[in-house]
Amino acid sequence: MSKTIKQLADELGVSKQTIRYHLKSLPVKFTGKDNKNRITVNARSWHKAS
């Protein structure tokens, strides 16, 4: 399920800037870009690494 930065921030009770900050600190193997050049987080990779 896709969510915008605003949706994530509202759901977590933090600012959009906080979401952006933490997105930048994720390891490259967990992030990517879709065909519309939007940042994506690969949750499947995230669960395998834990």
PDB file of N, CA and C in Angstrom:
ATOM      1  N   MET A   1       0.841  -1.172   0.000  1.00  0.00           N
ATOM      2  CA  MET A   1       0.000   0.000   0.000  1.00  0.00           C
ATOM      3  C   MET A   1       0.888   1.238   0.000  1.00  0.00           C
ATOM      4  N   SER A   2       0.635   2.139  -0.882  1.00  0.00           N
ATOM      5  CA  SER A   2       1.413   3.371  -0.994  1.00  0.00           C
ATOM      6  C   SER A   2       0.845   4.450  -0.089  1.00  0.00           C
ATOM      7  N   LYS A   3       1.744   5.205   0.530  1.00  0.00           N
ATOM      8  CA  LYS A   3       1.336   6.338   1.349  1.00  0.00           C
ATOM      9  C   LYS A   3       2.234   7.513   1.020  1.00  0.00           C
ATOM     10  N   THR A   4       1.669   8.694   1.109  1.00  0.00           N
ATOM     11  CA  THR A   4       2.459   9.898   0.893  1.00  0.00           C
ATOM     12  C   THR A   4       3.212  10.241   2.176  1.00  0.00           C
ATOM     13  N   ILE A   5       4.177  11.128   2.049  1.00  0.00           N
ATOM     14  CA  ILE A   5       4.915  11.591   3.216  1.00  0.00           C
ATOM     15  C   ILE A   5       3.958  12.231   4.209  1.00  0.00           C
ATOM     16  N   LYS A   6       3.003  12.997   3.720  1.00  0.00           N
ATOM     17  CA  LYS A   6       2.021  13.645   4.607  1.00  0.00           C
ATOM     18  C   LYS A   6       1.183  12.604   5.343  1.00  0.00           C
ATOM     19  N   GLN A   7       0.742  11.578   4.644  1.00  0.00           N
ATOM     20  CA  GLN A   7      -0.056  10.530   5.282  1.00  0.00           C
ATOM     21  C   GLN A   7       0.746   9.824   6.376  1.00  0.00           C
ATOM     22  N   LEU A   8       2.007   9.511   6.088  1.00  0.00           N
ATOM     23  CA  LEU A   8       2.854   8.875   7.100  1.00  0.00           C
ATOM     24  C   LEU A   8       3.057   9.781   8.302  1.00  0.00           C
ATOM     25  N   ALA A   9       3.335  11.057   8.047  1.00  0.00           N
ATOM     26  CA  ALA A   9       3.562  12.016   9.134  1.00  0.00           C
ATOM     27  C   ALA A   9       2.319  12.136  10.008  1.00  0.00           C
ATOM     28  N   ASP A  10       1.155  12.254   9.390  1.00  0.00           N
ATOM     29  CA  ASP A  10      -0.095  12.357  10.154  1.00  0.00           C
ATOM     30  C   ASP A  10      -0.341  11.096  10.978  1.00  0.00           C
ATOM     31  N   GLU A  11      -0.118   9.946  10.373  1.00  0.00           N
ATOM     32  CA  GLU A  11      -0.353   8.674  11.055  1.00  0.00           C
ATOM     33  C   GLU A  11       0.582   8.499  12.258  1.00  0.00           C
ATOM     34  N   LEU A  12       1.831   8.963  12.114  1.00  0.00           N
ATOM     35  CA  LEU A  12       2.820   8.805  13.180  1.00  0.00           C
ATOM     36  C   LEU A  12       2.875   9.989  14.141  1.00  0.00           C
ATOM     37  N   GLY A  13       2.182  11.063  13.798  1.00  0.00           N
ATOM     38  CA  GLY A  13       2.162  12.238  14.658  1.00  0.00           C
ATOM     39  C   GLY A  13       3.473  13.012  14.653  1.00  0.00           C
ATOM     40  N   VAL A  14       4.130  13.039  13.498  1.00  0.00           N
ATOM     41  CA  VAL A  14       5.383  13.777  13.345  1.00  0.00           C
ATOM     42  C   VAL A  14       5.264  14.706  12.139  1.00  0.00           C
ATOM     43  N   SER A  15       6.285  15.539  11.936  1.00  0.00           N
ATOM     44  CA  SER A  15       6.261  16.453  10.797  1.00  0.00           C
ATOM     45  C   SER A  15       6.712  15.747   9.520  1.00  0.00           C
ATOM     46  N   LYS A  16       6.378  16.358   8.391  1.00  0.00           N
ATOM     47  CA  LYS A  16       6.833  15.839   7.100  1.00  0.00           C
ATOM     48  C   LYS A  16       8.355  15.890   7.031  1.00  0.00           C
ATOM     49  N   GLN A  17       8.952  16.910   7.640  1.00  0.00           N
ATOM     50  CA  GLN A  17      10.415  17.034   7.650  1.00  0.00           C
ATOM     51  C   GLN A  17      11.054  15.849   8.371  1.00  0.00           C
ATOM     52  N   THR A  18      10.424  15.379   9.429  1.00  0.00           N
ATOM     53  CA  THR A  18      10.950  14.228  10.170  1.00  0.00           C
ATOM     54  C   THR A  18      10.935  12.981   9.295  1.00  0.00           C
ATOM     55  N   ILE A  19       9.850  12.783   8.562  1.00  0.00           N
ATOM     56  CA  ILE A  19       9.768  11.634   7.650  1.00  0.00           C
ATOM     57  C   ILE A  19      10.863  11.725   6.599  1.00  0.00           C
ATOM     58  N   ARG A  20      11.027  12.889   5.984  1.00  0.00           N
ATOM     59  CA  ARG A  20      12.069  13.067   4.960  1.00  0.00           C
ATOM     60  C   ARG A  20      13.467  12.803   5.528  1.00  0.00           C
ATOM     61  N   TYR A  21      13.715  13.301   6.733  1.00  0.00           N
ATOM     62  CA  TYR A  21      15.017  13.115   7.375  1.00  0.00           C
ATOM     63  C   TYR A  21      15.330  11.628   7.541  1.00  0.00           C
ATOM     64  N   HIS A  22      14.368  10.881   8.057  1.00  0.00           N
ATOM     65  CA  HIS A  22      14.598   9.459   8.304  1.00  0.00           C
ATOM     66  C   HIS A  22      14.637   8.653   7.006  1.00  0.00           C
ATOM     67  N   LEU A  23      13.886   9.081   6.004  1.00  0.00           N
ATOM     68  CA  LEU A  23      13.950   8.412   4.702  1.00  0.00           C
ATOM     69  C   LEU A  23      15.359   8.486   4.130  1.00  0.00           C
ATOM     70  N   LYS A  24      15.994   9.637   4.287  1.00  0.00           N
ATOM     71  CA  LYS A  24      17.355   9.822   3.770  1.00  0.00           C
ATOM     72  C   LYS A  24      18.365   8.937   4.486  1.00  0.00           C
ATOM     73  N   SER A  25      18.067   8.556   5.727  1.00  0.00           N
ATOM     74  CA  SER A  25      19.022   7.762   6.493  1.00  0.00           C
ATOM     75  C   SER A  25      18.849   6.248   6.309  1.00  0.00           C
ATOM     76  N   LEU A  26      17.828   5.836   5.554  1.00  0.00           N
ATOM     77  CA  LEU A  26      17.646   4.408   5.292  1.00  0.00           C
ATOM     78  C   LEU A  26      18.755   3.888   4.384  1.00  0.00           C
ATOM     79  N   PRO A  27      19.211   2.661   4.615  1.00  0.00           N
ATOM     80  CA  PRO A  27      20.211   2.071   3.716  1.00  0.00           C
ATOM     81  C   PRO A  27      19.664   1.979   2.284  1.00  0.00           C
ATOM     82  N   VAL A  28      20.540   2.122   1.323  1.00  0.00           N
ATOM     83  CA  VAL A  28      20.159   2.126  -0.093  1.00  0.00           C
ATOM     84  C   VAL A  28      19.418   0.851  -0.485  1.00  0.00           C
ATOM     85  N   LYS A  29      19.766  -0.285   0.110  1.00  0.00           N
ATOM     86  CA  LYS A  29      19.120  -1.541  -0.293  1.00  0.00           C
ATOM     87  C   LYS A  29      17.635  -1.584   0.065  1.00  0.00           C
ATOM     88  N   PHE A  30      17.176  -0.682   0.929  1.00  0.00           N
ATOM     89  CA  PHE A  30      15.770  -0.644   1.297  1.00  0.00           C
ATOM     90  C   PHE A  30      14.972   0.376   0.505  1.00  0.00           C
ATOM     91  N   THR A  31      15.638   1.212  -0.269  1.00  0.00           N
ATOM     92  CA  THR A  31      14.939   2.265  -0.988  1.00  0.00           C
ATOM     93  C   THR A  31      15.145   2.131  -2.492  1.00  0.00           C
ATOM     94  N   GLY A  32      14.301   2.803  -3.229  1.00  0.00           N
ATOM     95  CA  GLY A  32      14.398   2.817  -4.680  1.00  0.00           C
ATOM     96  C   GLY A  32      13.501   3.907  -5.218  1.00  0.00           C
ATOM     97  N   LYS A  33      13.319   3.906  -6.516  1.00  0.00           N
ATOM     98  CA  LYS A  33      12.409   4.861  -7.151  1.00  0.00           C
ATOM     99  C   LYS A  33      11.525   4.098  -8.119  1.00  0.00           C
ATOM    100  N   ASP A  34      10.260   4.522  -8.184  1.00  0.00           N
ATOM    101  CA  ASP A  34       9.347   3.869  -9.109  1.00  0.00           C
ATOM    102  C   ASP A  34       9.419   4.553 -10.475  1.00  0.00           C
ATOM    103  N   ASN A  35       8.542   4.151 -11.383  1.00  0.00           N
ATOM    104  CA  ASN A  35       8.587   4.688 -12.744  1.00  0.00           C
ATOM    105  C   ASN A  35       8.164   6.150 -12.823  1.00  0.00           C
ATOM    106  N   LYS A  36       7.606   6.689 -11.747  1.00  0.00           N
ATOM    107  CA  LYS A  36       7.252   8.113 -11.711  1.00  0.00           C
ATOM    108  C   LYS A  36       8.254   8.907 -10.890  1.00  0.00           C
ATOM    109  N   ASN A  37       9.419   8.282 -10.618  1.00  0.00           N
ATOM    110  CA  ASN A  37      10.532   8.900  -9.900  1.00  0.00           C
ATOM    111  C   ASN A  37      10.190   9.231  -8.446  1.00  0.00           C
ATOM    112  N   ARG A  38       9.270   8.465  -7.855  1.00  0.00           N
ATOM    113  CA  ARG A  38       8.918   8.630  -6.447  1.00  0.00           C
ATOM    114  C   ARG A  38       9.769   7.673  -5.617  1.00  0.00           C
ATOM    115  N   ILE A  39      10.161   8.106  -4.432  1.00  0.00           N
ATOM    116  CA  ILE A  39      10.947   7.259  -3.544  1.00  0.00           C
ATOM    117  C   ILE A  39      10.055   6.149  -3.010  1.00  0.00           C
ATOM    118  N   THR A  40      10.579   4.935  -3.015  1.00  0.00           N
ATOM    119  CA  THR A  40       9.850   3.795  -2.476  1.00  0.00           C
ATOM    120  C   THR A  40      10.702   3.117  -1.411  1.00  0.00           C
ATOM    121  N   VAL A  41      10.043   2.463  -0.469  1.00  0.00           N
ATOM    122  CA  VAL A  41      10.722   1.673   0.553  1.00  0.00           C
ATOM    123  C   VAL A  41      10.287   0.236   0.363  1.00  0.00           C
ATOM    124  N   ASN A  42      11.261  -0.656   0.248  1.00  0.00           N
ATOM    125  CA  ASN A  42      10.971  -2.062   0.024  1.00  0.00           C
ATOM    126  C   ASN A  42      10.787  -2.753   1.370  1.00  0.00           C
ATOM    127  N   ALA A  43       9.548  -2.921   1.788  1.00  0.00           N
ATOM    128  CA  ALA A  43       9.246  -3.527   3.087  1.00  0.00           C
ATOM    129  C   ALA A  43       9.680  -4.983   3.142  1.00  0.00           C
ATOM    130  N   ARG A  44       9.669  -5.681   2.045  1.00  0.00           N
ATOM    131  CA  ARG A  44      10.083  -7.090   2.046  1.00  0.00           C
ATOM    132  C   ARG A  44      11.546  -7.218   2.410  1.00  0.00           C
ATOM    133  N   SER A  45      12.394  -6.381   1.860  1.00  0.00           N
ATOM    134  CA  SER A  45      13.821  -6.398   2.212  1.00  0.00           C
ATOM    135  C   SER A  45      14.015  -6.039   3.665  1.00  0.00           C
ATOM    136  N   TRP A  46      13.206  -5.110   4.140  1.00  0.00           N
ATOM    137  CA  TRP A  46      13.301  -4.635   5.512  1.00  0.00           C
ATOM    138  C   TRP A  46      13.040  -5.799   6.478  1.00  0.00           C
ATOM    139  N   HIS A  47      11.996  -6.598   6.212  1.00  0.00           N
ATOM    140  CA  HIS A  47      11.641  -7.707   7.106  1.00  0.00           C
ATOM    141  C   HIS A  47      12.678  -8.814   7.059  1.00  0.00           C
ATOM    142  N   LYS A  48      13.298  -9.060   5.925  1.00  0.00           N
ATOM    143  CA  LYS A  48      14.314 -10.107   5.810  1.00  0.00           C
ATOM    144  C   LYS A  48      15.564  -9.739   6.594  1.00  0.00           C
ATOM    145  N   ALA A  49      15.884  -8.446   6.667  1.00  0.00           N
ATOM    146  CA  ALA A  49      17.102  -7.998   7.329  1.00  0.00           C
ATOM    147  C   ALA A  49      16.966  -8.010   8.848  1.00  0.00           C
ATOM    148  N   SER A  50      15.759  -7.962   9.351  1.00  0.00           N
ATOM    149  CA  SER A  50      15.547  -7.911  10.807  1.00  0.00           C
ATOM    150  C   SER A  50      15.810  -9.235  11.470  1.00  0.00           C
TER     151      SER A  50
END
